[in-house]
Amino acid sequence: MKPQDIIIGLGIAFILAIFISPFASPFLDGLEKVAEQKGFLEKGEEAVLSSPIPDYIWPGVKNEGVATAIAGVAGTVVTFFAAWSLALLLRRSQP
């Protein structure tokens, strides 16, 4: 894959994270909805690890749309570097 393709892909991902993520549905996702209906939503909130970006909103930012966009960009960066690192590890392990 050419570096130009990676840059274009990252650019598209950043645009989506910045401009589309603030319009994400405020309603519970499918798993949370079922947990709420069945009465065990609270048990799922007792996490072993706390989320660095709870509810997809960057902590400390007052504007919810901006906080969601920042969280989207942060998630995109973390996901990209995790995938990049995995690809490098897999490439090294091949003969």
N, C-alpha and C. Protein backbone atom coordinates (compact mmCIF):
# COMPACT_ATOMS: atom_id res chain seq x y z
N MET A 1 0.85 -1.17 0.00
CA MET A 1 0.00 0.00 0.00
C MET A 1 0.89 1.24 0.00
N LYS A 2 0.53 2.18 -0.81
CA LYS A 2 1.31 3.41 -0.92
C LYS A 2 1.03 4.34 0.26
N PRO A 3 2.04 5.09 0.70
CA PRO A 3 1.83 6.05 1.79
C PRO A 3 0.71 7.06 1.47
N GLN A 4 0.58 7.41 0.20
CA GLN A 4 -0.47 8.35 -0.21
C GLN A 4 -1.85 7.76 0.08
N ASP A 5 -2.03 6.46 -0.12
CA ASP A 5 -3.32 5.81 0.16
C ASP A 5 -3.63 5.84 1.65
N ILE A 6 -2.60 5.64 2.46
CA ILE A 6 -2.79 5.67 3.91
C ILE A 6 -3.19 7.07 4.36
N ILE A 7 -2.54 8.08 3.82
CA ILE A 7 -2.85 9.47 4.17
C ILE A 7 -4.27 9.83 3.75
N ILE A 8 -4.67 9.41 2.57
CA ILE A 8 -6.03 9.68 2.09
C ILE A 8 -7.04 8.98 2.99
N GLY A 9 -6.79 7.72 3.33
CA GLY A 9 -7.69 6.98 4.21
C GLY A 9 -7.81 7.60 5.58
N LEU A 10 -6.68 8.02 6.14
CA LEU A 10 -6.71 8.70 7.44
C LEU A 10 -7.45 10.03 7.36
N GLY A 11 -7.24 10.74 6.28
CA GLY A 11 -7.95 12.01 6.09
C GLY A 11 -9.46 11.82 6.07
N ILE A 12 -9.91 10.80 5.34
CA ILE A 12 -11.34 10.50 5.28
C ILE A 12 -11.86 10.11 6.67
N ALA A 13 -11.08 9.28 7.38
CA ALA A 13 -11.48 8.86 8.73
C ALA A 13 -11.58 10.07 9.67
N PHE A 14 -10.62 11.00 9.58
CA PHE A 14 -10.67 12.20 10.42
C PHE A 14 -11.87 13.08 10.07
N ILE A 15 -12.15 13.23 8.80
CA ILE A 15 -13.32 14.03 8.38
C ILE A 15 -14.60 13.43 8.95
N LEU A 16 -14.73 12.10 8.84
CA LEU A 16 -15.91 11.44 9.40
C LEU A 16 -15.97 11.60 10.91
N ALA A 17 -14.83 11.43 11.58
CA ALA A 17 -14.80 11.56 13.04
C ALA A 17 -15.18 12.96 13.49
N ILE A 18 -14.71 13.96 12.76
CA ILE A 18 -14.96 15.35 13.17
C ILE A 18 -16.38 15.80 12.83
N PHE A 19 -16.83 15.50 11.62
CA PHE A 19 -18.09 16.08 11.16
C PHE A 19 -19.30 15.17 11.28
N ILE A 20 -19.10 13.86 11.37
CA ILE A 20 -20.24 12.95 11.44
C ILE A 20 -20.49 12.46 12.87
N SER A 21 -19.44 12.21 13.64
CA SER A 21 -19.63 11.66 14.99
C SER A 21 -20.50 12.52 15.90
N PRO A 22 -20.48 13.86 15.79
CA PRO A 22 -21.39 14.64 16.65
C PRO A 22 -22.86 14.37 16.40
N PHE A 23 -23.19 13.75 15.25
CA PHE A 23 -24.57 13.46 14.93
C PHE A 23 -24.97 12.03 15.28
N ALA A 24 -24.11 11.31 16.02
CA ALA A 24 -24.42 9.94 16.42
C ALA A 24 -25.68 9.93 17.28
N SER A 25 -26.38 8.85 17.23
CA SER A 25 -27.63 8.72 17.97
C SER A 25 -27.40 8.83 19.48
N PRO A 26 -28.22 9.61 20.17
CA PRO A 26 -28.08 9.72 21.62
C PRO A 26 -28.73 8.55 22.35
N PHE A 27 -29.44 7.69 21.62
CA PHE A 27 -30.15 6.57 22.24
C PHE A 27 -29.20 5.42 22.54
N LEU A 28 -29.62 4.55 23.43
CA LEU A 28 -28.82 3.38 23.79
C LEU A 28 -28.59 2.50 22.57
N ASP A 29 -27.43 1.84 22.52
CA ASP A 29 -27.22 0.89 21.43
C ASP A 29 -28.00 -0.39 21.76
N GLY A 30 -27.97 -1.35 20.86
CA GLY A 30 -28.77 -2.56 21.00
C GLY A 30 -28.51 -3.33 22.28
N LEU A 31 -27.23 -3.53 22.62
CA LEU A 31 -26.91 -4.28 23.82
C LEU A 31 -27.35 -3.54 25.08
N GLU A 32 -27.15 -2.25 25.12
CA GLU A 32 -27.57 -1.48 26.30
C GLU A 32 -29.09 -1.47 26.43
N LYS A 33 -29.77 -1.41 25.31
CA LYS A 33 -31.24 -1.39 25.33
C LYS A 33 -31.79 -2.69 25.90
N VAL A 34 -31.25 -3.82 25.46
CA VAL A 34 -31.69 -5.11 25.97
C VAL A 34 -31.35 -5.24 27.45
N ALA A 35 -30.15 -4.81 27.84
CA ALA A 35 -29.76 -4.86 29.26
C ALA A 35 -30.70 -4.02 30.11
N GLU A 36 -31.12 -2.87 29.59
CA GLU A 36 -32.06 -2.02 30.31
C GLU A 36 -33.41 -2.70 30.43
N GLN A 37 -33.89 -3.30 29.34
CA GLN A 37 -35.19 -3.98 29.34
C GLN A 37 -35.20 -5.18 30.28
N LYS A 38 -34.08 -5.88 30.34
CA LYS A 38 -33.99 -7.09 31.18
C LYS A 38 -33.58 -6.77 32.62
N GLY A 39 -33.23 -5.52 32.89
CA GLY A 39 -32.96 -5.08 34.25
C GLY A 39 -31.56 -5.35 34.77
N PHE A 40 -30.58 -5.51 33.90
CA PHE A 40 -29.22 -5.72 34.39
C PHE A 40 -28.22 -4.73 33.81
N LEU A 41 -28.69 -3.57 33.41
CA LEU A 41 -27.81 -2.53 32.86
C LEU A 41 -26.78 -2.08 33.89
N GLU A 42 -27.19 -1.97 35.15
CA GLU A 42 -26.27 -1.50 36.20
C GLU A 42 -25.10 -2.46 36.40
N LYS A 43 -25.35 -3.75 36.24
CA LYS A 43 -24.28 -4.73 36.42
C LYS A 43 -23.19 -4.55 35.37
N GLY A 44 -23.57 -4.17 34.18
CA GLY A 44 -22.59 -3.95 33.11
C GLY A 44 -21.79 -2.68 33.31
N GLU A 45 -22.31 -1.76 34.10
CA GLU A 45 -21.60 -0.51 34.34
C GLU A 45 -20.55 -0.64 35.42
N GLU A 46 -20.54 -1.77 36.13
CA GLU A 46 -19.52 -2.04 37.14
C GLU A 46 -18.29 -2.60 36.43
N ALA A 47 -17.54 -1.73 35.81
CA ALA A 47 -16.41 -2.17 34.98
C ALA A 47 -15.16 -2.40 35.81
N VAL A 48 -14.35 -3.32 35.34
CA VAL A 48 -13.06 -3.57 35.97
C VAL A 48 -12.12 -2.41 35.64
N LEU A 49 -12.16 -1.98 34.40
CA LEU A 49 -11.35 -0.83 33.95
C LEU A 49 -12.28 0.30 33.58
N SER A 50 -11.87 1.52 33.85
CA SER A 50 -12.70 2.65 33.46
C SER A 50 -12.31 3.09 32.05
N SER A 51 -13.27 3.64 31.36
CA SER A 51 -13.05 4.08 29.99
C SER A 51 -12.29 5.40 29.97
N PRO A 52 -11.30 5.55 29.10
CA PRO A 52 -10.61 6.83 29.01
C PRO A 52 -11.48 7.91 28.38
N ILE A 53 -12.45 7.49 27.57
CA ILE A 53 -13.37 8.44 26.94
C ILE A 53 -14.80 7.92 27.18
N PRO A 54 -15.35 8.17 28.37
CA PRO A 54 -16.67 7.63 28.68
C PRO A 54 -17.77 8.22 27.80
N ASP A 55 -18.64 7.35 27.32
CA ASP A 55 -19.78 7.72 26.48
C ASP A 55 -19.37 8.48 25.22
N TYR A 56 -18.15 8.24 24.74
CA TYR A 56 -17.64 8.85 23.50
C TYR A 56 -17.64 10.37 23.54
N ILE A 57 -17.43 10.93 24.72
CA ILE A 57 -17.37 12.39 24.89
C ILE A 57 -16.07 12.71 25.62
N TRP A 58 -15.24 13.55 25.01
CA TRP A 58 -13.95 13.91 25.60
C TRP A 58 -14.19 14.66 26.90
N PRO A 59 -13.61 14.18 28.02
CA PRO A 59 -13.83 14.83 29.31
C PRO A 59 -13.28 16.25 29.35
N GLY A 60 -14.02 17.13 30.02
CA GLY A 60 -13.57 18.49 30.23
C GLY A 60 -13.98 19.47 29.15
N VAL A 61 -14.57 19.01 28.06
CA VAL A 61 -15.01 19.92 26.99
C VAL A 61 -16.50 20.15 27.16
N LYS A 62 -16.90 21.40 27.29
CA LYS A 62 -18.29 21.72 27.60
C LYS A 62 -19.24 21.51 26.42
N ASN A 63 -18.80 21.81 25.21
CA ASN A 63 -19.65 21.63 24.04
C ASN A 63 -19.67 20.15 23.67
N GLU A 64 -20.86 19.53 23.75
CA GLU A 64 -20.97 18.08 23.53
C GLU A 64 -20.58 17.66 22.11
N GLY A 65 -20.92 18.47 21.10
CA GLY A 65 -20.55 18.15 19.72
C GLY A 65 -19.05 18.16 19.52
N VAL A 66 -18.38 19.16 20.07
CA VAL A 66 -16.92 19.26 19.97
C VAL A 66 -16.27 18.12 20.76
N ALA A 67 -16.80 17.82 21.95
CA ALA A 67 -16.25 16.74 22.78
C ALA A 67 -16.37 15.40 22.05
N THR A 68 -17.46 15.17 21.34
CA THR A 68 -17.64 13.93 20.59
C THR A 68 -16.70 13.88 19.40
N ALA A 69 -16.50 15.00 18.73
CA ALA A 69 -15.57 15.05 17.60
C ALA A 69 -14.14 14.77 18.05
N ILE A 70 -13.74 15.35 19.17
CA ILE A 70 -12.39 15.10 19.69
C ILE A 70 -12.23 13.63 20.06
N ALA A 71 -13.25 13.06 20.69
CA ALA A 71 -13.20 11.64 21.04
C ALA A 71 -13.10 10.78 19.78
N GLY A 72 -13.81 11.17 18.72
CA GLY A 72 -13.74 10.44 17.45
C GLY A 72 -12.36 10.48 16.84
N VAL A 73 -11.72 11.65 16.87
CA VAL A 73 -10.36 11.78 16.34
C VAL A 73 -9.39 10.96 17.19
N ALA A 74 -9.53 11.03 18.51
CA ALA A 74 -8.65 10.25 19.39
C ALA A 74 -8.81 8.76 19.14
N GLY A 75 -10.03 8.31 18.98
CA GLY A 75 -10.29 6.91 18.69
C GLY A 75 -9.71 6.49 17.35
N THR A 76 -9.79 7.36 16.36
CA THR A 76 -9.23 7.08 15.04
C THR A 76 -7.72 6.94 15.13
N VAL A 77 -7.07 7.83 15.86
CA VAL A 77 -5.61 7.78 16.01
C VAL A 77 -5.19 6.51 16.72
N VAL A 78 -5.86 6.17 17.82
CA VAL A 78 -5.50 4.97 18.58
C VAL A 78 -5.71 3.72 17.73
N THR A 79 -6.82 3.66 17.02
CA THR A 79 -7.11 2.49 16.18
C THR A 79 -6.09 2.38 15.06
N PHE A 80 -5.73 3.50 14.44
CA PHE A 80 -4.75 3.47 13.36
C PHE A 80 -3.41 2.94 13.86
N PHE A 81 -2.92 3.47 14.98
CA PHE A 81 -1.62 3.04 15.47
C PHE A 81 -1.64 1.60 15.97
N ALA A 82 -2.76 1.15 16.51
CA ALA A 82 -2.86 -0.25 16.92
C ALA A 82 -2.80 -1.16 15.70
N ALA A 83 -3.54 -0.82 14.65
CA ALA A 83 -3.52 -1.62 13.42
C ALA A 83 -2.16 -1.56 12.74
N TRP A 84 -1.54 -0.40 12.72
CA TRP A 84 -0.21 -0.23 12.12
C TRP A 84 0.81 -1.09 12.86
N SER A 85 0.77 -1.05 14.19
CA SER A 85 1.70 -1.85 14.99
C SER A 85 1.50 -3.34 14.76
N LEU A 86 0.25 -3.77 14.71
CA LEU A 86 -0.04 -5.18 14.44
C LEU A 86 0.46 -5.59 13.06
N ALA A 87 0.26 -4.73 12.07
CA ALA A 87 0.74 -5.03 10.73
C ALA A 87 2.27 -5.16 10.71
N LEU A 88 2.97 -4.28 11.41
CA LEU A 88 4.43 -4.37 11.48
C LEU A 88 4.88 -5.66 12.15
N LEU A 89 4.21 -6.04 13.24
CA LEU A 89 4.56 -7.28 13.93
C LEU A 89 4.33 -8.50 13.04
N LEU A 90 3.20 -8.51 12.34
CA LEU A 90 2.90 -9.65 11.46
C LEU A 90 3.86 -9.71 10.28
N ARG A 91 4.25 -8.57 9.77
CA ARG A 91 5.17 -8.54 8.64
C ARG A 91 6.55 -9.05 9.05
N ARG A 92 6.99 -8.74 10.25
CA ARG A 92 8.29 -9.19 10.75
C ARG A 92 8.31 -10.70 10.99
N SER A 93 7.17 -11.26 11.39
CA SER A 93 7.13 -12.67 11.74
C SER A 93 7.10 -13.60 10.52
N GLN A 94 6.83 -13.05 9.36
CA GLN A 94 6.80 -13.88 8.14
C GLN A 94 8.23 -14.11 7.65
N PRO A 95 8.51 -15.34 7.12
CA PRO A 95 9.87 -15.65 6.66
C PRO A 95 10.28 -14.86 5.44
